[in-house]
Amino acid sequence: MDALDSKGLPIIVNDSDPLMAPGMTAHMLMSIPNSGHYRSINTFDLCELQSAGGHLSAVRTRLFFWAAWPVKGREPVAESFLERLADSWMAHMSVVTGA
């Protein structure tokens, strides 16, 4: 596969920052591709966690939001890949947290 055929997928994880609600985060992320930079980004993936200790290593962490936003005018990352990624992340977090 040629590098020009690759698709960019930044994964942003918010760990319990109440100021970064999903809508606000999406709004900020969508301005990045329109800046003329980062032409290789096709889709943004946002994962938000809520944890007892306020950090990823907290014992009682649980996933409460996962979403992908395609960049307008660009071919998105394959939905099947995004689904496998989300399923794998959730499976990993359930092992880590015991939930």
Protein backbone atom coordinates (compact mmCIF):
# COMPACT_ATOMS: atom_id res chain seq x y z
CA MET A 1 0.00 0.00 0.00
CA ASP A 2 1.27 3.44 -0.89
CA ALA A 3 1.62 5.93 1.98
CA LEU A 4 -0.82 8.18 0.15
CA ASP A 5 -3.46 5.46 0.49
CA SER A 6 -3.07 5.32 4.27
CA LYS A 7 -5.71 6.80 6.54
CA GLY A 8 -4.96 8.79 9.69
CA LEU A 9 -6.77 7.94 12.92
CA PRO A 10 -5.76 9.98 15.97
CA ILE A 11 -7.18 8.42 19.14
CA ILE A 12 -7.94 10.95 21.85
CA VAL A 13 -8.57 9.71 25.39
CA ASN A 14 -10.18 11.99 27.96
CA ASP A 15 -9.79 10.66 31.47
CA SER A 16 -12.38 12.35 33.66
CA ASP A 17 -11.86 15.99 32.62
CA PRO A 18 -15.38 17.43 33.00
CA LEU A 19 -14.47 20.50 30.94
CA MET A 20 -13.90 18.34 27.86
CA ALA A 21 -17.40 17.07 27.15
CA PRO A 22 -17.69 14.98 23.96
CA GLY A 23 -19.40 17.78 22.01
CA MET A 24 -16.75 20.34 22.99
CA THR A 25 -13.94 17.91 22.16
CA ALA A 26 -15.49 17.12 18.76
CA HIS A 27 -15.85 20.82 18.00
CA MET A 28 -12.17 21.45 18.79
CA LEU A 29 -11.00 18.41 16.84
CA MET A 30 -12.94 19.30 13.70
CA SER A 31 -11.10 22.61 13.40
CA ILE A 32 -7.76 20.80 12.99
CA PRO A 33 -8.26 19.40 9.45
CA ASN A 34 -9.74 22.72 8.29
CA SER A 35 -6.53 24.51 9.31
CA GLY A 36 -4.76 23.19 6.19
CA HIS A 37 -2.43 21.05 8.28
CA TYR A 38 -2.70 17.34 9.00
CA ARG A 39 -4.12 16.36 5.62
CA SER A 40 -3.57 12.71 6.51
CA ILE A 41 -6.26 12.68 9.21
CA ASN A 42 -9.40 10.93 7.96
CA THR A 43 -11.24 10.11 11.18
CA PHE A 44 -10.95 11.11 14.83
CA ASP A 45 -11.62 8.56 17.53
CA LEU A 46 -12.64 9.79 20.98
CA CYS A 47 -12.68 7.62 24.07
CA GLU A 48 -13.82 9.10 27.37
CA LEU A 49 -13.25 7.40 30.68
CA GLN A 50 -14.70 7.96 34.07
CA SER A 51 -12.49 6.69 36.83
CA ALA A 52 -12.59 6.59 40.61
CA GLY A 53 -9.08 7.97 40.93
CA GLY A 54 -9.11 10.38 38.00
CA HIS A 55 -6.42 8.61 35.99
CA LEU A 56 -6.13 5.60 33.71
CA SER A 57 -4.53 3.38 36.34
CA ALA A 58 -7.48 3.73 38.71
CA VAL A 59 -8.79 0.39 39.86
CA ARG A 60 -12.43 1.16 39.12
CA THR A 61 -12.21 2.67 35.64
CA ARG A 62 -15.07 2.25 33.23
CA LEU A 63 -15.54 3.27 29.62
CA PHE A 64 -18.55 5.49 29.14
CA PHE A 65 -18.14 7.04 25.71
CA TRP A 66 -16.53 5.94 22.43
CA ALA A 67 -17.14 7.70 19.14
CA ALA A 68 -15.53 8.20 15.76
CA TRP A 69 -15.94 11.36 13.70
CA PRO A 70 -14.98 11.25 10.03
CA VAL A 71 -13.42 14.37 8.54
CA LYS A 72 -15.76 15.94 5.98
CA GLY A 73 -14.58 15.42 2.42
CA ARG A 74 -12.15 12.60 3.27
CA GLU A 75 -12.62 8.87 3.04
CA PRO A 76 -13.19 7.64 6.61
CA VAL A 77 -11.35 4.83 8.33
CA ALA A 78 -13.23 1.55 7.78
CA GLU A 79 -16.14 1.10 10.18
CA SER A 80 -15.24 -2.57 10.66
CA PHE A 81 -11.77 -1.55 11.89
CA LEU A 82 -13.22 1.05 14.28
CA GLU A 83 -15.65 -1.52 15.67
CA ARG A 84 -12.85 -4.07 16.26
CA LEU A 85 -10.74 -1.38 17.90
CA ALA A 86 -13.57 -0.36 20.25
CA ASP A 87 -14.37 -3.98 21.11
CA SER A 88 -10.71 -4.73 21.83
CA TRP A 89 -10.33 -1.64 24.01
CA MET A 90 -13.44 -2.51 26.01
CA ALA A 91 -12.28 -6.11 26.44
CA HIS A 92 -8.86 -4.91 27.61
CA MET A 93 -10.37 -2.42 30.07
CA SER A 94 -12.66 -5.09 31.52
CA VAL A 95 -9.60 -7.29 32.21
CA VAL A 96 -7.63 -4.40 33.69
CA THR A 97 -10.46 -3.21 35.92
CA GLY A 98 -12.17 -6.52 36.62
CA ALA A 99 -15.47 -4.93 35.65
